[in-house]
C-alpha atoms as a PDB file:
ATOM      1  CA  UNK A   1     -50.605  73.014-129.539  1.00  0.00           C
ATOM      2  CA  UNK A   2     -50.209  72.009-125.115  1.00  0.00           C
ATOM      3  CA  UNK A   3     -52.519  68.806-125.022  1.00  0.00           C
ATOM      4  CA  UNK A   4     -53.582  68.744-120.408  1.00  0.00           C
ATOM      5  CA  UNK A   5     -52.209  65.563-119.226  1.00  0.00           C
ATOM      6  CA  UNK A   6     -52.245  63.884-115.745  1.00  0.00           C
ATOM      7  CA  UNK A   7     -49.354  62.264-113.923  1.00  0.00           C
ATOM      8  CA  UNK A   8     -49.105  60.975-110.390  1.00  0.00           C
ATOM      9  CA  UNK A   9     -45.830  61.894-108.987  1.00  0.00           C
ATOM     10  CA  UNK A  10     -43.568  62.840-105.807  1.00  0.00           C
ATOM     11  CA  UNK A  11     -42.219  66.373-105.244  1.00  0.00           C
ATOM     12  CA  UNK A  12     -38.196  65.961-105.231  1.00  0.00           C
ATOM     13  CA  UNK A  13     -38.092  70.004-104.816  1.00  0.00           C
ATOM     14  CA  UNK A  14     -39.300  73.651-105.730  1.00  0.00           C
ATOM     15  CA  UNK A  15     -37.813  76.600-106.112  1.00  0.00           C
ATOM     16  CA  UNK A  16     -39.286  80.219-106.185  1.00  0.00           C
ATOM     17  CA  UNK A  17     -40.206  81.273-109.631  1.00  0.00           C
ATOM     18  CA  UNK A  18     -41.660  85.256-109.238  1.00  0.00           C
ATOM     19  CA  UNK A  19     -43.432  86.974-106.114  1.00  0.00           C
ATOM     20  CA  UNK A  20     -46.040  84.783-106.681  1.00  0.00           C
ATOM     21  CA  UNK A  21     -45.265  81.547-107.993  1.00  0.00           C
ATOM     22  CA  UNK A  22     -43.282  77.713-107.893  1.00  0.00           C
ATOM     23  CA  UNK A  23     -41.074  76.198-110.251  1.00  0.00           C
ATOM     24  CA  UNK A  24     -42.433  72.165-108.755  1.00  0.00           C
ATOM     25  CA  UNK A  25     -39.667  69.068-109.848  1.00  0.00           C
ATOM     26  CA  UNK A  26     -41.807  66.137-109.503  1.00  0.00           C
ATOM     27  CA  UNK A  27     -40.790  61.951-110.217  1.00  0.00           C
ATOM     28  CA  UNK A  28     -43.720  61.231-112.351  1.00  0.00           C
ATOM     29  CA  UNK A  29     -44.515  57.760-112.439  1.00  0.00           C
ATOM     30  CA  UNK A  30     -46.200  58.043-116.028  1.00  0.00           C
ATOM     31  CA  UNK A  31     -43.476  60.895-116.810  1.00  0.00           C
ATOM     32  CA  UNK A  32     -40.459  60.775-114.636  1.00  0.00           C
ATOM     33  CA  UNK A  33     -38.666  64.055-113.602  1.00  0.00           C
ATOM     34  CA  UNK A  34     -40.615  66.808-114.959  1.00  0.00           C
ATOM     35  CA  UNK A  35     -40.694  70.490-114.157  1.00  0.00           C
ATOM     36  CA  UNK A  36     -43.993  72.201-113.514  1.00  0.00           C
ATOM     37  CA  UNK A  37     -44.879  75.953-113.179  1.00  0.00           C
ATOM     38  CA  UNK A  38     -47.362  76.703-110.673  1.00  0.00           C
ATOM     39  CA  UNK A  39     -48.352  79.882-110.941  1.00  0.00           C
ATOM     40  CA  UNK A  40     -50.169  81.379-107.841  1.00  0.00           C
ATOM     41  CA  UNK A  41     -48.771  78.568-105.340  1.00  0.00           C
ATOM     42  CA  UNK A  42     -46.727  80.625-102.691  1.00  0.00           C
ATOM     43  CA  UNK A  43     -49.953  82.983-102.387  1.00  0.00           C
ATOM     44  CA  UNK A  44     -51.540  82.031 -99.312  1.00  0.00           C
ATOM     45  CA  UNK A  45     -55.103  81.474-100.736  1.00  0.00           C
ATOM     46  CA  UNK A  46     -53.142  79.299-103.573  1.00  0.00           C
ATOM     47  CA  UNK A  47     -55.140  76.423-104.610  1.00  0.00           C
ATOM     48  CA  UNK A  48     -52.224  73.883-104.467  1.00  0.00           C
ATOM     49  CA  UNK A  49     -52.158  73.514-100.759  1.00  0.00           C
ATOM     50  CA  UNK A  50     -50.184  71.296 -99.472  1.00  0.00           C
ATOM     51  CA  UNK A  51     -49.744  69.243-102.376  1.00  0.00           C
ATOM     52  CA  UNK A  52     -46.355  70.881-103.466  1.00  0.00           C
ATOM     53  CA  UNK A  53     -44.664  70.115-100.453  1.00  0.00           C
ATOM     54  CA  UNK A  54     -41.702  68.182-100.995  1.00  0.00           C
ATOM     55  CA  UNK A  55     -41.493  64.290-100.265  1.00  0.00           C
ATOM     56  CA  UNK A  56     -45.822  64.962-101.409  1.00  0.00           C
ATOM     57  CA  UNK A  57     -47.493  61.532-103.037  1.00  0.00           C
ATOM     58  CA  UNK A  58     -49.429  64.198-105.634  1.00  0.00           C
ATOM     59  CA  UNK A  59     -51.680  63.780-109.031  1.00  0.00           C
ATOM     60  CA  UNK A  60     -50.823  66.664-111.300  1.00  0.00           C
ATOM     61  CA  UNK A  61     -52.606  67.622-113.860  1.00  0.00           C
ATOM     62  CA  UNK A  62     -50.697  70.625-116.683  1.00  0.00           C
ATOM     63  CA  UNK A  63     -50.851  71.653-120.159  1.00  0.00           C
ATOM     64  CA  UNK A  64     -47.767  69.781-121.663  1.00  0.00           C
ATOM     65  CA  UNK A  65     -45.162  70.891-123.073  1.00  0.00           C
ATOM     66  CA  UNK A  66     -41.574  70.136-123.881  1.00  0.00           C
ATOM     67  CA  UNK A  67     -39.619  71.642-121.148  1.00  0.00           C
ATOM     68  CA  UNK A  68     -41.080  73.699-118.351  1.00  0.00           C
ATOM     69  CA  UNK A  69     -45.176  72.776-117.983  1.00  0.00           C
ATOM     70  CA  UNK A  70     -48.200  74.862-116.669  1.00  0.00           C
ATOM     71  CA  UNK A  71     -49.914  73.479-113.346  1.00  0.00           C
ATOM     72  CA  UNK A  72     -53.161  73.414-113.943  1.00  0.00           C
ATOM     73  CA  UNK A  73     -54.696  71.477-110.324  1.00  0.00           C
ATOM     74  CA  UNK A  74     -52.617  68.796-107.752  1.00  0.00           C
ATOM     75  CA  UNK A  75     -54.268  66.545-105.387  1.00  0.00           C
ATOM     76  CA  UNK A  76     -52.384  64.794-102.233  1.00  0.00           C
ATOM     77  CA  UNK A  77     -52.881  61.733-102.050  1.00  0.00           C
ATOM     78  CA  UNK A  78     -50.036  61.063 -99.609  1.00  0.00           C
ATOM     79  CA  UNK A  79     -47.922  63.669 -97.422  1.00  0.00           C
ATOM     80  CA  UNK A  80     -45.664  61.189 -95.470  1.00  0.00           C
ATOM     81  CA  UNK A  81     -46.445  62.961 -92.327  1.00  0.00           C
ATOM     82  CA  UNK A  82     -44.143  60.463 -90.026  1.00  0.00           C
ATOM     83  CA  UNK A  83     -40.421  61.148 -92.277  1.00  0.00           C
ATOM     84  CA  UNK A  84     -41.661  65.091 -92.461  1.00  0.00           C
ATOM     85  CA  UNK A  85     -41.788  64.857 -88.569  1.00  0.00           C
ATOM     86  CA  UNK A  86     -38.930  62.948 -88.172  1.00  0.00           C
ATOM     87  CA  UNK A  87     -35.545  65.196 -88.408  1.00  0.00           C
ATOM     88  CA  UNK A  88     -33.269  62.303 -89.449  1.00  0.00           C
ATOM     89  CA  UNK A  89     -35.946  60.488 -91.947  1.00  0.00           C
ATOM     90  CA  UNK A  90     -36.594  63.716 -93.263  1.00  0.00           C
ATOM     91  CA  UNK A  91     -33.200  64.660 -93.931  1.00  0.00           C
ATOM     92  CA  UNK A  92     -32.530  61.334 -94.990  1.00  0.00           C
ATOM     93  CA  UNK A  93     -35.317  61.104 -97.540  1.00  0.00           C
ATOM     94  CA  UNK A  94     -34.372  64.770 -99.281  1.00  0.00           C
ATOM     95  CA  UNK A  95     -31.118  63.671-100.038  1.00  0.00           C
ATOM     96  CA  UNK A  96     -31.959  61.091-101.858  1.00  0.00           C
ATOM     97  CA  UNK A  97     -34.069  62.799-103.443  1.00  0.00           C
ATOM     98  CA  UNK A  98     -31.508  65.356-104.589  1.00  0.00           C
ATOM     99  CA  UNK A  99     -30.068  62.223-106.153  1.00  0.00           C
ATOM    100  CA  UNK A 100     -32.575  61.034-108.211  1.00  0.00           C
ATOM    101  CA  UNK A 101     -33.149  64.845-110.008  1.00  0.00           C
ATOM    102  CA  UNK A 102     -29.803  65.353-110.308  1.00  0.00           C
ATOM    103  CA  UNK A 103     -29.327  61.813-111.878  1.00  0.00           C
ATOM    104  CA  UNK A 104     -32.883  61.982-114.222  1.00  0.00           C
ATOM    105  CA  UNK A 105     -32.601  63.739-117.632  1.00  0.00           C
ATOM    106  CA  UNK A 106     -36.431  65.515-117.890  1.00  0.00           C
ATOM    107  CA  UNK A 107     -39.511  63.806-120.003  1.00  0.00           C
ATOM    108  CA  UNK A 108     -37.779  60.040-119.780  1.00  0.00           C
ATOM    109  CA  UNK A 109     -40.365  57.837-117.697  1.00  0.00           C
ATOM    110  CA  UNK A 110     -38.498  55.740-115.223  1.00  0.00           C
ATOM    111  CA  UNK A 111     -41.194  53.628-113.470  1.00  0.00           C
ATOM    112  CA  UNK A 112     -38.266  51.433-111.649  1.00  0.00           C
ATOM    113  CA  UNK A 113     -36.856  54.619-110.165  1.00  0.00           C
ATOM    114  CA  UNK A 114     -40.364  55.623-109.209  1.00  0.00           C
ATOM    115  CA  UNK A 115     -41.288  52.265-107.734  1.00  0.00           C
ATOM    116  CA  UNK A 116     -37.714  52.655-106.030  1.00  0.00           C
ATOM    117  CA  UNK A 117     -38.208  56.058-104.524  1.00  0.00           C
ATOM    118  CA  UNK A 118     -41.594  55.072-103.649  1.00  0.00           C
ATOM    119  CA  UNK A 119     -40.084  51.537-101.696  1.00  0.00           C
ATOM    120  CA  UNK A 120     -37.520  54.199 -99.712  1.00  0.00           C
ATOM    121  CA  UNK A 121     -39.847  56.920 -98.545  1.00  0.00           C
ATOM    122  CA  UNK A 122     -42.166  53.722 -97.262  1.00  0.00           C
ATOM    123  CA  UNK A 123     -38.796  52.043 -95.596  1.00  0.00           C
ATOM    124  CA  UNK A 124     -37.908  55.502 -94.037  1.00  0.00           C
ATOM    125  CA  UNK A 125     -42.098  55.518 -92.804  1.00  0.00           C
ATOM    126  CA  UNK A 126     -41.572  52.118 -90.767  1.00  0.00           C
ATOM    127  CA  UNK A 127     -37.680  52.306 -89.968  1.00  0.00           C
ATOM    128  CA  UNK A 128     -36.644  53.106 -86.062  1.00  0.00           C
ATOM    129  CA  UNK A 129     -33.807  54.598 -84.952  1.00  0.00           C
ATOM    130  CA  UNK A 130     -33.055  50.823 -83.480  1.00  0.00           C
ATOM    131  CA  UNK A 131     -33.927  49.176 -86.310  1.00  0.00           C
ATOM    132  CA  UNK A 132     -31.123  51.148 -89.112  1.00  0.00           C
ATOM    133  CA  UNK A 133     -28.776  48.573 -89.039  1.00  0.00           C
ATOM    134  CA  UNK A 134     -26.612  50.087 -86.383  1.00  0.00           C
ATOM    135  CA  UNK A 135     -26.094  49.983 -82.420  1.00  0.00           C
ATOM    136  CA  UNK A 136     -28.420  52.459 -80.726  1.00  0.00           C
ATOM    137  CA  UNK A 137     -26.707  55.799 -79.821  1.00  0.00           C
ATOM    138  CA  UNK A 138     -26.560  59.355 -81.917  1.00  0.00           C
ATOM    139  CA  UNK A 139     -24.006  58.515 -84.064  1.00  0.00           C
ATOM    140  CA  UNK A 140     -24.947  55.148 -84.680  1.00  0.00           C
ATOM    141  CA  UNK A 141     -28.176  56.327 -85.710  1.00  0.00           C
ATOM    142  CA  UNK A 142     -27.050  58.742 -88.029  1.00  0.00           C
ATOM    143  CA  UNK A 143     -24.725  55.689 -89.486  1.00  0.00           C
ATOM    144  CA  UNK A 144     -28.270  53.383 -89.639  1.00  0.00           C
ATOM    145  CA  UNK A 145     -29.839  56.403 -91.790  1.00  0.00           C
ATOM    146  CA  UNK A 146     -26.393  57.027 -93.974  1.00  0.00           C
ATOM    147  CA  UNK A 147     -26.786  53.288 -94.888  1.00  0.00           C
ATOM    148  CA  UNK A 148     -30.354  53.859 -96.100  1.00  0.00           C
ATOM    149  CA  UNK A 149     -29.228  56.696 -98.591  1.00  0.00           C
ATOM    150  CA  UNK A 150     -26.056  54.112 -99.407  1.00  0.00           C
ATOM    151  CA  UNK A 151     -28.416  51.466-100.145  1.00  0.00           C
ATOM    152  CA  UNK A 152     -30.264  53.876-102.723  1.00  0.00           C
ATOM    153  CA  UNK A 153     -27.793  54.960-104.296  1.00  0.00           C
ATOM    154  CA  UNK A 154     -26.240  51.969-105.116  1.00  0.00           C
ATOM    155  CA  UNK A 155     -29.899  50.789-106.265  1.00  0.00           C
ATOM    156  CA  UNK A 156     -30.317  53.558-107.986  1.00  0.00           C
ATOM    157  CA  UNK A 157     -27.593  53.155-110.555  1.00  0.00           C
ATOM    158  CA  UNK A 158     -28.581  49.312-110.702  1.00  0.00           C
ATOM    159  CA  UNK A 159     -31.688  50.193-112.637  1.00  0.00           C
ATOM    160  CA  UNK A 160     -30.262  53.573-114.505  1.00  0.00           C
ATOM    161  CA  UNK A 161     -27.745  50.439-115.645  1.00  0.00           C
ATOM    162  CA  UNK A 162     -24.654  52.237-114.122  1.00  0.00           C
ATOM    163  CA  UNK A 163     -24.243  49.835-111.034  1.00  0.00           C
ATOM    164  CA  UNK A 164     -20.850  49.200-109.697  1.00  0.00           C
ATOM    165  CA  UNK A 165     -19.542  45.149-109.970  1.00  0.00           C
ATOM    166  CA  UNK A 166     -19.322  44.633-105.967  1.00  0.00           C
ATOM    167  CA  UNK A 167     -18.768  40.569-106.493  1.00  0.00           C
ATOM    168  CA  UNK A 168     -16.597  39.694-108.880  1.00  0.00           C
ATOM    169  CA  UNK A 169     -13.397  40.751-110.464  1.00  0.00           C
ATOM    170  CA  UNK A 170     -14.255  42.754-113.549  1.00  0.00           C
ATOM    171  CA  UNK A 171     -11.071  41.239-114.806  1.00  0.00           C
ATOM    172  CA  UNK A 172     -10.810  38.093-114.651  1.00  0.00           C
ATOM    173  CA  UNK A 173     -14.845  37.523-112.857  1.00  0.00           C
ATOM    174  CA  UNK A 174     -14.056  35.095-110.047  1.00  0.00           C
ATOM    175  CA  UNK A 175     -15.350  35.744-106.785  1.00  0.00           C
ATOM    176  CA  UNK A 176     -11.845  37.041-104.782  1.00  0.00           C
ATOM    177  CA  UNK A 177     -11.104  36.645-100.484  1.00  0.00           C
ATOM    178  CA  UNK A 178      -9.083  39.479-100.627  1.00  0.00           C
ATOM    179  CA  UNK A 179      -9.890  42.357-103.409  1.00  0.00           C
ATOM    180  CA  UNK A 180      -9.796  46.085-103.904  1.00  0.00           C
ATOM    181  CA  UNK A 181     -12.255  48.081-105.763  1.00  0.00           C
ATOM    182  CA  UNK A 182     -11.182  50.073-108.319  1.00  0.00           C
ATOM    183  CA  UNK A 183     -13.419  53.518-109.706  1.00  0.00           C
ATOM    184  CA  UNK A 184     -11.706  53.546-113.000  1.00  0.00           C
ATOM    185  CA  UNK A 185     -12.699  50.053-113.818  1.00  0.00           C
ATOM    186  CA  UNK A 186     -16.039  49.895-111.990  1.00  0.00           C
ATOM    187  CA  UNK A 187     -16.000  47.468-109.822  1.00  0.00           C
ATOM    188  CA  UNK A 188     -13.763  45.148-107.885  1.00  0.00           C
ATOM    189  CA  UNK A 189     -10.430  43.506-108.707  1.00  0.00           C
ATOM    190  CA  UNK A 190      -8.699  40.767-107.503  1.00  0.00           C
ATOM    191  CA  UNK A 191      -5.366  40.646-105.761  1.00  0.00           C
ATOM    192  CA  UNK A 192      -3.615  39.010-108.799  1.00  0.00           C
ATOM    193  CA  UNK A 193      -5.472  40.691-111.480  1.00  0.00           C
ATOM    194  CA  UNK A 194      -4.469  43.947-109.341  1.00  0.00           C
ATOM    195  CA  UNK A 195      -0.771  42.507-109.328  1.00  0.00           C
ATOM    196  CA  UNK A 196      -0.775  42.439-112.928  1.00  0.00           C
ATOM    197  CA  UNK A 197      -2.630  45.956-113.521  1.00  0.00           C
ATOM    198  CA  UNK A 198      -0.124  47.272-111.384  1.00  0.00           C
ATOM    199  CA  UNK A 199       3.141  46.070-113.484  1.00  0.00           C
ATOM    200  CA  UNK A 200       5.101  48.820-115.939  1.00  0.00           C
ATOM    201  CA  UNK A 201       2.135  49.844-118.230  1.00  0.00           C
ATOM    202  CA  UNK A 202       2.787  51.217-121.934  1.00  0.00           C
ATOM    203  CA  UNK A 203       2.318  55.394-121.288  1.00  0.00           C
ATOM    204  CA  UNK A 204      -0.291  55.616-123.718  1.00  0.00           C
ATOM    205  CA  UNK A 205      -3.084  54.946-120.553  1.00  0.00           C
ATOM    206  CA  UNK A 206      -3.435  53.987-117.328  1.00  0.00           C
ATOM    207  CA  UNK A 207      -3.388  50.575-115.967  1.00  0.00           C
ATOM    208  CA  UNK A 208      -6.774  50.988-113.244  1.00  0.00           C
ATOM    209  CA  UNK A 209      -5.721  49.697-110.462  1.00  0.00           C
ATOM    210  CA  UNK A 210      -3.484  52.819-108.940  1.00  0.00           C
ATOM    211  CA  UNK A 211      -6.682  54.464-106.650  1.00  0.00           C
ATOM    212  CA  UNK A 212      -8.104  51.033-105.511  1.00  0.00           C
ATOM    213  CA  UNK A 213     -10.130  51.054-102.481  1.00  0.00           C
ATOM    214  CA  UNK A 214      -9.072  48.071-100.203  1.00  0.00           C
ATOM    215  CA  UNK A 215     -12.524  46.158 -99.015  1.00  0.00           C
ATOM    216  CA  UNK A 216     -12.325  43.245 -96.140  1.00  0.00           C
ATOM    217  CA  UNK A 217     -14.775  40.328 -96.076  1.00  0.00           C
ATOM    218  CA  UNK A 218     -17.417  42.374 -94.463  1.00  0.00           C
ATOM    219  CA  UNK A 219     -17.137  45.602 -96.198  1.00  0.00           C
ATOM    220  CA  UNK A 220     -17.191  43.408 -99.806  1.00  0.00           C
ATOM    221  CA  UNK A 221     -20.836  41.003 -98.450  1.00  0.00           C
ATOM    222  CA  UNK A 222     -22.210  44.416 -96.521  1.00  0.00           C
ATOM    223  CA  UNK A 223     -21.973  46.651 -99.984  1.00  0.00           C
ATOM    224  CA  UNK A 224     -22.718  43.555-101.985  1.00  0.00           C
ATOM    225  CA  UNK A 225     -25.880  43.013 -99.665  1.00  0.00           C
ATOM    226  CA  UNK A 226     -26.638  46.700 -99.625  1.00  0.00           C
ATOM    227  CA  UNK A 227     -27.275  46.772-103.397  1.00  0.00           C
ATOM    228  CA  UNK A 228     -29.705  43.374-104.200  1.00  0.00           C
ATOM    229  CA  UNK A 229     -31.277  43.872-100.503  1.00  0.00           C
ATOM    230  CA  UNK A 230     -34.954  45.365-100.858  1.00  0.00           C
ATOM    231  CA  UNK A 231     -34.551  48.529 -98.719  1.00  0.00           C
ATOM    232  CA  UNK A 232     -37.620  47.555 -97.011  1.00  0.00           C
ATOM    233  CA  UNK A 233     -35.682  44.767 -95.519  1.00  0.00           C
ATOM    234  CA  UNK A 234     -32.425  46.891 -94.836  1.00  0.00           C
ATOM    235  CA  UNK A 235     -32.784  46.942 -91.086  1.00  0.00           C
ATOM    236  CA  UNK A 236     -31.319  43.714 -91.565  1.00  0.00           C
ATOM    237  CA  UNK A 237     -27.860  44.747 -92.594  1.00  0.00           C
ATOM    238  CA  UNK A 238     -25.351  45.058 -89.540  1.00  0.00           C
ATOM    239  CA  UNK A 239     -22.724  47.086 -91.578  1.00  0.00           C
ATOM    240  CA  UNK A 240     -20.380  48.800 -89.214  1.00  0.00           C
ATOM    241  CA  UNK A 241     -19.022  52.322 -89.476  1.00  0.00           C
ATOM    242  CA  UNK A 242     -15.568  51.166 -90.994  1.00  0.00           C
ATOM    243  CA  UNK A 243     -17.582  49.173 -93.844  1.00  0.00           C
ATOM    244  CA  UNK A 244     -19.700  52.513 -94.265  1.00  0.00           C
ATOM    245  CA  UNK A 245     -17.776  54.469 -94.373  1.00  0.00           C
ATOM    246  CA  UNK A 246     -15.506  52.488 -97.066  1.00  0.00           C
ATOM    247  CA  UNK A 247     -18.772  52.192 -98.797  1.00  0.00           C
ATOM    248  CA  UNK A 248     -19.316  56.534 -99.013  1.00  0.00           C
ATOM    249  CA  UNK A 249     -15.544  56.335-100.621  1.00  0.00           C
ATOM    250  CA  UNK A 250     -16.592  53.719-103.072  1.00  0.00           C
ATOM    251  CA  UNK A 251     -19.408  55.185-104.498  1.00  0.00           C
ATOM    252  CA  UNK A 252     -18.231  58.960-104.693  1.00  0.00           C
ATOM    253  CA  UNK A 253     -15.251  57.818-106.569  1.00  0.00           C
ATOM    254  CA  UNK A 254     -17.354  55.554-108.582  1.00  0.00           C
ATOM    255  CA  UNK A 255     -19.421  58.637-109.541  1.00  0.00           C
ATOM    256  CA  UNK A 256     -16.434  60.646-110.429  1.00  0.00           C
ATOM    257  CA  UNK A 257     -15.349  58.636-112.816  1.00  0.00           C
ATOM    258  CA  UNK A 258     -18.241  56.877-114.310  1.00  0.00           C
ATOM    259  CA  UNK A 259     -21.359  59.392-113.888  1.00  0.00           C
ATOM    260  CA  UNK A 260     -19.982  62.620-113.200  1.00  0.00           C
ATOM    261  CA  UNK A 261     -22.522  65.197-112.210  1.00  0.00           C
ATOM    262  CA  UNK A 262     -25.276  62.084-112.565  1.00  0.00           C
ATOM    263  CA  UNK A 263     -26.223  64.280-115.736  1.00  0.00           C
ATOM    264  CA  UNK A 264     -25.920  62.596-118.520  1.00  0.00           C
ATOM    265  CA  UNK A 265     -27.706  59.511-119.340  1.00  0.00           C
ATOM    266  CA  UNK A 266     -26.044  56.522-121.076  1.00  0.00           C
ATOM    267  CA  UNK A 267     -28.372  55.784-123.530  1.00  0.00           C
ATOM    268  CA  UNK A 268     -31.230  57.271-125.166  1.00  0.00           C
ATOM    269  CA  UNK A 269     -35.182  56.951-123.843  1.00  0.00           C
ATOM    270  CA  UNK A 270     -38.409  57.743-126.398  1.00  0.00           C
ATOM    271  CA  UNK A 271     -40.975  60.461-125.034  1.00  0.00           C
ATOM    272  CA  UNK A 272     -43.175  59.593-122.513  1.00  0.00           C
ATOM    273  CA  UNK A 273     -46.909  59.104-123.228  1.00  0.00           C
ATOM    274  CA  UNK A 274     -48.394  60.436-120.332  1.00  0.00           C
ATOM    275  CA  UNK A 275     -52.307  59.314-119.732  1.00  0.00           C
ATOM    276  CA  UNK A 276     -54.331  62.294-121.242  1.00  0.00           C
ATOM    277  CA  UNK A 277     -56.907  63.889-119.115  1.00  0.00           C
ATOM    278  CA  UNK A 278     -60.295  64.605-121.415  1.00  0.00           C
ATOM    279  CA  UNK A 279     -61.461  68.676-120.020  1.00  0.00           C
END
């Protein structure tokens, strides 16, 4: 039997379900990622109004069941108009929303991820093109917004227990002066450990160093800061275009080896117990 539940969350994406309805994917504080069937949402006289627009913070009242739930009411709490009026902010936020959607299983509470996404939208709303961590100019501005996406993805992985090791060698655990990033090992590898790993190894497995990505001091420090620095303070981080490109390549390799499609969870999560709404 379906129970009426209430949750506050961000709309990550919507898709048409029929001529009159939509499916809404929302990241909620109480229940994590959920799918809601919004009947009549495509009609001009929809009762949901702007509450189902992407990136909007809304309160949802829905009939809870496994999988697709039926939306009963939706009340708009915060439209984040400052993001929707700026193309670069909007596209950055939507790309991050896509990462969240791919990273989470449905019906598992992830309040830390909810808070991180909330922090991202607030940080983007306050950010300016000249305050994104790079110099001014069209290309530099694009790199600045890309820094938010890179930092958000790194911090999302950390909150899900998948963070790459960016400060110590994964072999000897020392802090290296010169390092490579090993996607196979999921972190840094110093020169000594890399030389050892590249020595002839038994045919049973890979050394884990063959596809290592070289990092200079700026890239190492910058990526470690991007992982730790609160997103609201990200404008303080100065990262060159070269270091940013290395970071994106590093992240792509890490995800390919350890997270794949950002779909499988590393450990089981308990079923959520969202707030029950009295009729």
